[in-house]
Amino acid sequence: QIRTLFEEGWGEIDHHILYPYKKSDPMLTEFSELLNRLS
């Protein structure tokens, strides 16, 4: 996989919080989406 440093920062947080066991949590999913846009 190839990512930028910004993408990696978001990806690590998303993986730690959401993937793969909390994807159905709407609050955490929305927060991850916002962080994704920032990255």
ModelCIF file with pLDDT and N, C-alpha, C, O atoms, coordinates in Angstrom:
data_MODEL
#
_entry.id   MODEL 
#
_entity.id                         1 
_entity.type                       polymer 
_entity.pdbx_number_of_molecules   1 
#
_entity_poly.entity_id                      1 
_entity_poly.type                           'polypeptide(L)' 
_entity_poly.nstd_linkage                   no 
_entity_poly.nstd_monomer                   no 
_entity_poly.pdbx_seq_one_letter_code       QIRTLFEEGWGEIDHHILYPYKKSDPMLTEFSELLNRLS 
_entity_poly.pdbx_seq_one_letter_code_can   QIRTLFEEGWGEIDHHILYPYKKSDPMLTEFSELLNRLS 
_entity_poly.pdbx_strand_id                 A 
#
loop_
_entity_poly_seq.entity_id 
_entity_poly_seq.num 
_entity_poly_seq.mon_id 
_entity_poly_seq.hetero 
1 1  GLN n 
1 2  ILE n 
1 3  ARG n 
1 4  THR n 
1 5  LEU n 
1 6  PHE n 
1 7  GLU n 
1 8  GLU n 
1 9  GLY n 
1 10 TRP n 
1 11 GLY n 
1 12 GLU n 
1 13 ILE n 
1 14 ASP n 
1 15 HIS n 
1 16 HIS n 
1 17 ILE n 
1 18 LEU n 
1 19 TYR n 
1 20 PRO n 
1 21 TYR n 
1 22 LYS n 
1 23 LYS n 
1 24 SER n 
1 25 ASP n 
1 26 PRO n 
1 27 MET n 
1 28 LEU n 
1 29 THR n 
1 30 GLU n 
1 31 PHE n 
1 32 SER n 
1 33 GLU n 
1 34 LEU n 
1 35 LEU n 
1 36 ASN n 
1 37 ARG n 
1 38 LEU n 
1 39 SER n 
#
_struct_asym.id          A 
_struct_asym.entity_id   1 
#
loop_
_ma_qa_metric.id 
_ma_qa_metric.mode 
_ma_qa_metric.name 
_ma_qa_metric.software_group_id 
_ma_qa_metric.type 
1 global pLDDT . pLDDT 
2 local  pLDDT . pLDDT 
#
_ma_qa_metric_global.metric_id      1 
_ma_qa_metric_global.metric_value   70.23 
_ma_qa_metric_global.model_id       1 
_ma_qa_metric_global.ordinal_id     1 
#
loop_
_ma_qa_metric_local.label_asym_id 
_ma_qa_metric_local.label_comp_id 
_ma_qa_metric_local.label_seq_id 
_ma_qa_metric_local.metric_id 
_ma_qa_metric_local.metric_value 
_ma_qa_metric_local.model_id 
_ma_qa_metric_local.ordinal_id 
A GLN 1  2 95.00 1 1  
A ILE 2  2 93.00 1 2  
A ARG 3  2 89.00 1 3  
A THR 4  2 87.00 1 4  
A LEU 5  2 84.00 1 5  
A PHE 6  2 78.00 1 6  
A GLU 7  2 80.00 1 7  
A GLU 8  2 76.00 1 8  
A GLY 9  2 73.00 1 9  
A TRP 10 2 66.00 1 10 
A GLY 11 2 67.00 1 11 
A GLU 12 2 66.00 1 12 
A ILE 13 2 69.00 1 13 
A ASP 14 2 66.00 1 14 
A HIS 15 2 63.00 1 15 
A HIS 16 2 65.00 1 16 
A ILE 17 2 67.00 1 17 
A LEU 18 2 61.00 1 18 
A TYR 19 2 59.00 1 19 
A PRO 20 2 55.00 1 20 
A TYR 21 2 54.00 1 21 
A LYS 22 2 61.00 1 22 
A LYS 23 2 60.00 1 23 
A SER 24 2 65.00 1 24 
A ASP 25 2 71.00 1 25 
A PRO 26 2 73.00 1 26 
A MET 27 2 72.00 1 27 
A LEU 28 2 70.00 1 28 
A THR 29 2 68.00 1 29 
A GLU 30 2 67.00 1 30 
A PHE 31 2 64.00 1 31 
A SER 32 2 67.00 1 32 
A GLU 33 2 72.00 1 33 
A LEU 34 2 70.00 1 34 
A LEU 35 2 70.00 1 35 
A ASN 36 2 69.00 1 36 
A ARG 37 2 70.00 1 37 
A LEU 38 2 69.00 1 38 
A SER 39 2 68.00 1 39 
#
loop_
_atom_site.group_PDB 
_atom_site.id 
_atom_site.type_symbol 
_atom_site.label_atom_id 
_atom_site.label_alt_id 
_atom_site.label_comp_id 
_atom_site.label_asym_id 
_atom_site.label_entity_id 
_atom_site.label_seq_id 
_atom_site.pdbx_PDB_ins_code 
_atom_site.Cartn_x 
_atom_site.Cartn_y 
_atom_site.Cartn_z 
_atom_site.occupancy 
_atom_site.B_iso_or_equiv 
_atom_site.pdbx_formal_charge 
_atom_site.auth_seq_id 
_atom_site.auth_comp_id 
_atom_site.auth_asym_id 
_atom_site.auth_atom_id 
_atom_site.pdbx_PDB_model_num 
ATOM 1   N N  . GLN A 1 1  ? 0.849   -1.192 0.000  1.00 95.00 ? 1  GLN A N  1 
ATOM 2   C CA . GLN A 1 1  ? 0.000   0.000  0.000  1.00 95.00 ? 1  GLN A CA 1 
ATOM 3   C C  . GLN A 1 1  ? 0.884   1.241  0.000  1.00 95.00 ? 1  GLN A C  1 
ATOM 4   O O  . GLN A 1 1  ? 1.950   1.258  0.616  1.00 95.00 ? 1  GLN A O  1 
ATOM 5   N N  . ILE A 1 2  ? 0.434   2.271  -0.692 1.00 93.00 ? 2  ILE A N  1 
ATOM 6   C CA . ILE A 1 2  ? 1.134   3.559  -0.690 1.00 93.00 ? 2  ILE A CA 1 
ATOM 7   C C  . ILE A 1 2  ? 0.158   4.625  -0.213 1.00 93.00 ? 2  ILE A C  1 
ATOM 8   O O  . ILE A 1 2  ? -0.941  4.762  -0.750 1.00 93.00 ? 2  ILE A O  1 
ATOM 9   N N  . ARG A 1 3  ? 0.571   5.375  0.798  1.00 89.00 ? 3  ARG A N  1 
ATOM 10  C CA . ARG A 1 3  ? -0.237  6.462  1.351  1.00 89.00 ? 3  ARG A CA 1 
ATOM 11  C C  . ARG A 1 3  ? 0.644   7.664  1.634  1.00 89.00 ? 3  ARG A C  1 
ATOM 12  O O  . ARG A 1 3  ? 1.860   7.547  1.789  1.00 89.00 ? 3  ARG A O  1 
ATOM 13  N N  . THR A 1 4  ? 0.003   8.824  1.698  1.00 87.00 ? 4  THR A N  1 
ATOM 14  C CA . THR A 1 4  ? 0.714   10.001 2.195  1.00 87.00 ? 4  THR A CA 1 
ATOM 15  C C  . THR A 1 4  ? 0.723   9.961  3.720  1.00 87.00 ? 4  THR A C  1 
ATOM 16  O O  . THR A 1 4  ? 0.012   9.166  4.335  1.00 87.00 ? 4  THR A O  1 
ATOM 17  N N  . LEU A 1 5  ? 1.532   10.823 4.319  1.00 84.00 ? 5  LEU A N  1 
ATOM 18  C CA . LEU A 1 5  ? 1.591   10.881 5.783  1.00 84.00 ? 5  LEU A CA 1 
ATOM 19  C C  . LEU A 1 5  ? 0.248   11.303 6.370  1.00 84.00 ? 5  LEU A C  1 
ATOM 20  O O  . LEU A 1 5  ? -0.148  10.806 7.424  1.00 84.00 ? 5  LEU A O  1 
ATOM 21  N N  . PHE A 1 6  ? -0.459  12.218 5.696  1.00 78.00 ? 6  PHE A N  1 
ATOM 22  C CA . PHE A 1 6  ? -1.781  12.635 6.172  1.00 78.00 ? 6  PHE A CA 1 
ATOM 23  C C  . PHE A 1 6  ? -2.758  11.463 6.123  1.00 78.00 ? 6  PHE A C  1 
ATOM 24  O O  . PHE A 1 6  ? -3.522  11.246 7.064  1.00 78.00 ? 6  PHE A O  1 
ATOM 25  N N  . GLU A 1 7  ? -2.734  10.710 5.024  1.00 80.00 ? 7  GLU A N  1 
ATOM 26  C CA . GLU A 1 7  ? -3.621  9.556  4.892  1.00 80.00 ? 7  GLU A CA 1 
ATOM 27  C C  . GLU A 1 7  ? -3.317  8.508  5.954  1.00 80.00 ? 7  GLU A C  1 
ATOM 28  O O  . GLU A 1 7  ? -4.226  7.885  6.504  1.00 80.00 ? 7  GLU A O  1 
ATOM 29  N N  . GLU A 1 8  ? -2.045  8.321  6.233  1.00 76.00 ? 8  GLU A N  1 
ATOM 30  C CA . GLU A 1 8  ? -1.659  7.338  7.236  1.00 76.00 ? 8  GLU A CA 1 
ATOM 31  C C  . GLU A 1 8  ? -2.131  7.744  8.628  1.00 76.00 ? 8  GLU A C  1 
ATOM 32  O O  . GLU A 1 8  ? -2.576  6.906  9.412  1.00 76.00 ? 8  GLU A O  1 
ATOM 33  N N  . GLY A 1 9  ? -2.028  9.045  8.929  1.00 73.00 ? 9  GLY A N  1 
ATOM 34  C CA . GLY A 1 9  ? -2.491  9.520  10.236 1.00 73.00 ? 9  GLY A CA 1 
ATOM 35  C C  . GLY A 1 9  ? -3.961  9.244  10.440 1.00 73.00 ? 9  GLY A C  1 
ATOM 36  O O  . GLY A 1 9  ? -4.364  8.717  11.476 1.00 73.00 ? 9  GLY A O  1 
ATOM 37  N N  . TRP A 1 10 ? -4.775  9.604  9.437  1.00 66.00 ? 10 TRP A N  1 
ATOM 38  C CA . TRP A 1 10 ? -6.210  9.310  9.559  1.00 66.00 ? 10 TRP A CA 1 
ATOM 39  C C  . TRP A 1 10 ? -6.456  7.814  9.595  1.00 66.00 ? 10 TRP A C  1 
ATOM 40  O O  . TRP A 1 10 ? -7.258  7.339  10.400 1.00 66.00 ? 10 TRP A O  1 
ATOM 41  N N  . GLY A 1 11 ? -5.769  7.053  8.725  1.00 67.00 ? 11 GLY A N  1 
ATOM 42  C CA . GLY A 1 11 ? -6.000  5.620  8.635  1.00 67.00 ? 11 GLY A CA 1 
ATOM 43  C C  . GLY A 1 11 ? -5.702  4.899  9.932  1.00 67.00 ? 11 GLY A C  1 
ATOM 44  O O  . GLY A 1 11 ? -6.422  3.975  10.311 1.00 67.00 ? 11 GLY A O  1 
ATOM 45  N N  . GLU A 1 12 ? -4.645  5.312  10.618 1.00 66.00 ? 12 GLU A N  1 
ATOM 46  C CA . GLU A 1 12 ? -4.289  4.657  11.876 1.00 66.00 ? 12 GLU A CA 1 
ATOM 47  C C  . GLU A 1 12 ? -5.344  4.922  12.954 1.00 66.00 ? 12 GLU A C  1 
ATOM 48  O O  . GLU A 1 12 ? -5.709  4.024  13.713 1.00 66.00 ? 12 GLU A O  1 
ATOM 49  N N  . ILE A 1 13 ? -5.824  6.160  13.008 1.00 69.00 ? 13 ILE A N  1 
ATOM 50  C CA . ILE A 1 13 ? -6.868  6.475  13.997 1.00 69.00 ? 13 ILE A CA 1 
ATOM 51  C C  . ILE A 1 13 ? -8.152  5.729  13.665 1.00 69.00 ? 13 ILE A C  1 
ATOM 52  O O  . ILE A 1 13 ? -8.796  5.169  14.552 1.00 69.00 ? 13 ILE A O  1 
ATOM 53  N N  . ASP A 1 14 ? -8.524  5.720  12.388 1.00 66.00 ? 14 ASP A N  1 
ATOM 54  C CA . ASP A 1 14 ? -9.739  5.026  11.966 1.00 66.00 ? 14 ASP A CA 1 
ATOM 55  C C  . ASP A 1 14 ? -9.637  3.525  12.253 1.00 66.00 ? 14 ASP A C  1 
ATOM 56  O O  . ASP A 1 14 ? -10.599 2.912  12.715 1.00 66.00 ? 14 ASP A O  1 
ATOM 57  N N  . HIS A 1 15 ? -8.478  2.941  11.981 1.00 63.00 ? 15 HIS A N  1 
ATOM 58  C CA . HIS A 1 15 ? -8.293  1.512  12.206 1.00 63.00 ? 15 HIS A CA 1 
ATOM 59  C C  . HIS A 1 15 ? -8.354  1.191  13.701 1.00 63.00 ? 15 HIS A C  1 
ATOM 60  O O  . HIS A 1 15 ? -8.897  0.164  14.107 1.00 63.00 ? 15 HIS A O  1 
ATOM 61  N N  . HIS A 1 16 ? -7.793  2.077  14.501 1.00 65.00 ? 16 HIS A N  1 
ATOM 62  C CA . HIS A 1 16 ? -7.773  1.834  15.946 1.00 65.00 ? 16 HIS A CA 1 
ATOM 63  C C  . HIS A 1 16 ? -9.163  1.938  16.557 1.00 65.00 ? 16 HIS A C  1 
ATOM 64  O O  . HIS A 1 16 ? -9.505  1.186  17.470 1.00 65.00 ? 16 HIS A O  1 
ATOM 65  N N  . ILE A 1 17 ? -9.970  2.880  16.047 1.00 67.00 ? 17 ILE A N  1 
ATOM 66  C CA . ILE A 1 17 ? -11.274 3.134  16.660 1.00 67.00 ? 17 ILE A CA 1 
ATOM 67  C C  . ILE A 1 17 ? -12.391 2.338  15.983 1.00 67.00 ? 17 ILE A C  1 
ATOM 68  O O  . ILE A 1 17 ? -13.246 1.771  16.664 1.00 67.00 ? 17 ILE A O  1 
ATOM 69  N N  . LEU A 1 18 ? -12.389 2.292  14.653 1.00 61.00 ? 18 LEU A N  1 
ATOM 70  C CA . LEU A 1 18 ? -13.530 1.716  13.936 1.00 61.00 ? 18 LEU A CA 1 
ATOM 71  C C  . LEU A 1 18 ? -13.309 0.297  13.411 1.00 61.00 ? 18 LEU A C  1 
ATOM 72  O O  . LEU A 1 18 ? -14.151 -0.581 13.596 1.00 61.00 ? 18 LEU A O  1 
ATOM 73  N N  . TYR A 1 19 ? -12.186 0.090  12.766 1.00 59.00 ? 19 TYR A N  1 
ATOM 74  C CA . TYR A 1 19 ? -12.009 -1.139 11.987 1.00 59.00 ? 19 TYR A CA 1 
ATOM 75  C C  . TYR A 1 19 ? -11.549 -2.278 12.866 1.00 59.00 ? 19 TYR A C  1 
ATOM 76  O O  . TYR A 1 19 ? -10.640 -2.081 13.672 1.00 59.00 ? 19 TYR A O  1 
ATOM 77  N N  . PRO A 1 20 ? -12.134 -3.471 12.753 1.00 55.00 ? 20 PRO A N  1 
ATOM 78  C CA . PRO A 1 20 ? -13.330 -3.758 11.945 1.00 55.00 ? 20 PRO A CA 1 
ATOM 79  C C  . PRO A 1 20 ? -14.563 -3.953 12.803 1.00 55.00 ? 20 PRO A C  1 
ATOM 80  O O  . PRO A 1 20 ? -15.561 -4.491 12.325 1.00 55.00 ? 20 PRO A O  1 
ATOM 81  N N  . TYR A 1 21 ? -14.521 -3.525 14.071 1.00 54.00 ? 21 TYR A N  1 
ATOM 82  C CA . TYR A 1 21 ? -15.540 -3.967 15.023 1.00 54.00 ? 21 TYR A CA 1 
ATOM 83  C C  . TYR A 1 21 ? -16.569 -2.917 15.411 1.00 54.00 ? 21 TYR A C  1 
ATOM 84  O O  . TYR A 1 21 ? -17.551 -3.249 16.073 1.00 54.00 ? 21 TYR A O  1 
ATOM 85  N N  . LYS A 1 22 ? -16.375 -1.642 15.015 1.00 61.00 ? 22 LYS A N  1 
ATOM 86  C CA . LYS A 1 22 ? -17.310 -0.602 15.431 1.00 61.00 ? 22 LYS A CA 1 
ATOM 87  C C  . LYS A 1 22 ? -17.826 0.202  14.244 1.00 61.00 ? 22 LYS A C  1 
ATOM 88  O O  . LYS A 1 22 ? -18.192 1.367  14.398 1.00 61.00 ? 22 LYS A O  1 
ATOM 89  N N  . LYS A 1 23 ? -17.859 -0.406 13.069 1.00 60.00 ? 23 LYS A N  1 
ATOM 90  C CA . LYS A 1 23 ? -18.273 0.316  11.873 1.00 60.00 ? 23 LYS A CA 1 
ATOM 91  C C  . LYS A 1 23 ? -19.732 0.737  11.929 1.00 60.00 ? 23 LYS A C  1 
ATOM 92  O O  . LYS A 1 23 ? -20.144 1.637  11.197 1.00 60.00 ? 23 LYS A O  1 
ATOM 93  N N  . SER A 1 24 ? -20.512 0.101  12.782 1.00 65.00 ? 24 SER A N  1 
ATOM 94  C CA . SER A 1 24 ? -21.938 0.427  12.851 1.00 65.00 ? 24 SER A CA 1 
ATOM 95  C C  . SER A 1 24 ? -22.233 1.572  13.807 1.00 65.00 ? 24 SER A C  1 
ATOM 96  O O  . SER A 1 24 ? -23.388 1.981  13.929 1.00 65.00 ? 24 SER A O  1 
ATOM 97  N N  . ASP A 1 25 ? -21.227 2.098  14.484 1.00 71.00 ? 25 ASP A N  1 
ATOM 98  C CA . ASP A 1 25 ? -21.438 3.194  15.427 1.00 71.00 ? 25 ASP A CA 1 
ATOM 99  C C  . ASP A 1 25 ? -21.547 4.505  14.644 1.00 71.00 ? 25 ASP A C  1 
ATOM 100 O O  . ASP A 1 25 ? -20.540 4.965  14.105 1.00 71.00 ? 25 ASP A O  1 
ATOM 101 N N  . PRO A 1 26 ? -22.745 5.133  14.560 1.00 73.00 ? 26 PRO A N  1 
ATOM 102 C CA . PRO A 1 26 ? -22.913 6.312  13.699 1.00 73.00 ? 26 PRO A CA 1 
ATOM 103 C C  . PRO A 1 26 ? -22.103 7.515  14.175 1.00 73.00 ? 26 PRO A C  1 
ATOM 104 O O  . PRO A 1 26 ? -21.625 8.297  13.353 1.00 73.00 ? 26 PRO A O  1 
ATOM 105 N N  . MET A 1 27 ? -21.943 7.676  15.480 1.00 72.00 ? 27 MET A N  1 
ATOM 106 C CA . MET A 1 27 ? -21.208 8.825  15.996 1.00 72.00 ? 27 MET A CA 1 
ATOM 107 C C  . MET A 1 27 ? -19.724 8.717  15.640 1.00 72.00 ? 27 MET A C  1 
ATOM 108 O O  . MET A 1 27 ? -19.129 9.687  15.171 1.00 72.00 ? 27 MET A O  1 
ATOM 109 N N  . LEU A 1 28 ? -19.122 7.543  15.860 1.00 70.00 ? 28 LEU A N  1 
ATOM 110 C CA . LEU A 1 28 ? -17.710 7.357  15.546 1.00 70.00 ? 28 LEU A CA 1 
ATOM 111 C C  . LEU A 1 28 ? -17.477 7.407  14.039 1.00 70.00 ? 28 LEU A C  1 
ATOM 112 O O  . LEU A 1 28 ? -16.452 7.916  13.585 1.00 70.00 ? 28 LEU A O  1 
ATOM 113 N N  . THR A 1 29 ? -18.419 6.883  13.267 1.00 68.00 ? 29 THR A N  1 
ATOM 114 C CA . THR A 1 29 ? -18.280 6.909  11.811 1.00 68.00 ? 29 THR A CA 1 
ATOM 115 C C  . THR A 1 29 ? -18.294 8.338  11.281 1.00 68.00 ? 29 THR A C  1 
ATOM 116 O O  . THR A 1 29 ? -17.511 8.678  10.394 1.00 68.00 ? 29 THR A O  1 
ATOM 117 N N  . GLU A 1 30 ? -19.169 9.170  11.812 1.00 67.00 ? 30 GLU A N  1 
ATOM 118 C CA . GLU A 1 30 ? -19.234 10.565 11.360 1.00 67.00 ? 30 GLU A CA 1 
ATOM 119 C C  . GLU A 1 30 ? -17.959 11.319 11.734 1.00 67.00 ? 30 GLU A C  1 
ATOM 120 O O  . GLU A 1 30 ? -17.445 12.117 10.951 1.00 67.00 ? 30 GLU A O  1 
ATOM 121 N N  . PHE A 1 31 ? -17.456 11.053 12.947 1.00 64.00 ? 31 PHE A N  1 
ATOM 122 C CA . PHE A 1 31 ? -16.206 11.707 13.354 1.00 64.00 ? 31 PHE A CA 1 
ATOM 123 C C  . PHE A 1 31 ? -15.057 11.292 12.433 1.00 64.00 ? 31 PHE A C  1 
ATOM 124 O O  . PHE A 1 31 ? -14.233 12.121 12.047 1.00 64.00 ? 31 PHE A O  1 
ATOM 125 N N  . SER A 1 32 ? -15.008 9.996  12.082 1.00 67.00 ? 32 SER A N  1 
ATOM 126 C CA . SER A 1 32 ? -13.953 9.517  11.201 1.00 67.00 ? 32 SER A CA 1 
ATOM 127 C C  . SER A 1 32 ? -14.050 10.171 9.823  1.00 67.00 ? 32 SER A C  1 
ATOM 128 O O  . SER A 1 32 ? -13.031 10.481 9.206  1.00 67.00 ? 32 SER A O  1 
ATOM 129 N N  . GLU A 1 33 ? -15.276 10.380 9.344  1.00 72.00 ? 33 GLU A N  1 
ATOM 130 C CA . GLU A 1 33 ? -15.469 11.033 8.046  1.00 72.00 ? 33 GLU A CA 1 
ATOM 131 C C  . GLU A 1 33 ? -14.939 12.467 8.074  1.00 72.00 ? 33 GLU A C  1 
ATOM 132 O O  . GLU A 1 33 ? -14.293 12.913 7.125  1.00 72.00 ? 33 GLU A O  1 
ATOM 133 N N  . LEU A 1 34 ? -15.212 13.183 9.155  1.00 70.00 ? 34 LEU A N  1 
ATOM 134 C CA . LEU A 1 34 ? -14.718 14.560 9.281  1.00 70.00 ? 34 LEU A CA 1 
ATOM 135 C C  . LEU A 1 34 ? -13.191 14.587 9.279  1.00 70.00 ? 34 LEU A C  1 
ATOM 136 O O  . LEU A 1 34 ? -12.574 15.422 8.617  1.00 70.00 ? 34 LEU A O  1 
ATOM 137 N N  . LEU A 1 35 ? -12.594 13.666 10.026 1.00 70.00 ? 35 LEU A N  1 
ATOM 138 C CA . LEU A 1 35 ? -11.137 13.594 10.084 1.00 70.00 ? 35 LEU A CA 1 
ATOM 139 C C  . LEU A 1 35 ? -10.555 13.229 8.722  1.00 70.00 ? 35 LEU A C  1 
ATOM 140 O O  . LEU A 1 35 ? -9.478  13.695 8.349  1.00 70.00 ? 35 LEU A O  1 
ATOM 141 N N  . ASN A 1 36 ? -11.276 12.397 7.990  1.00 69.00 ? 36 ASN A N  1 
ATOM 142 C CA . ASN A 1 36 ? -10.851 11.999 6.653  1.00 69.00 ? 36 ASN A CA 1 
ATOM 143 C C  . ASN A 1 36 ? -10.816 13.206 5.719  1.00 69.00 ? 36 ASN A C  1 
ATOM 144 O O  . ASN A 1 36 ? -9.875  13.369 4.943  1.00 69.00 ? 36 ASN A O  1 
ATOM 145 N N  . ARG A 1 37 ? -11.840 14.046 5.796  1.00 70.00 ? 37 ARG A N  1 
ATOM 146 C CA . ARG A 1 37 ? -11.862 15.250 4.952  1.00 70.00 ? 37 ARG A CA 1 
ATOM 147 C C  . ARG A 1 37 ? -10.684 16.168 5.278  1.00 70.00 ? 37 ARG A C  1 
ATOM 148 O O  . ARG A 1 37 ? -10.066 16.738 4.379  1.00 70.00 ? 37 ARG A O  1 
ATOM 149 N N  . LEU A 1 38 ? -10.379 16.306 6.565  1.00 69.00 ? 38 LEU A N  1 
ATOM 150 C CA . LEU A 1 38 ? -9.257  17.145 6.967  1.00 69.00 ? 38 LEU A CA 1 
ATOM 151 C C  . LEU A 1 38 ? -7.941  16.611 6.417  1.00 69.00 ? 38 LEU A C  1 
ATOM 152 O O  . LEU A 1 38 ? -7.093  17.384 5.972  1.00 69.00 ? 38 LEU A O  1 
ATOM 153 N N  . SER A 1 39 ? -7.768  15.299 6.445  1.00 68.00 ? 39 SER A N  1 
ATOM 154 C CA . SER A 1 39 ? -6.524  14.721 5.936  1.00 68.00 ? 39 SER A CA 1 
ATOM 155 C C  . SER A 1 39 ? -6.413  14.957 4.429  1.00 68.00 ? 39 SER A C  1 
ATOM 156 O O  . SER A 1 39 ? -5.432  14.544 3.810  1.00 68.00 ? 39 SER A O  1 
#
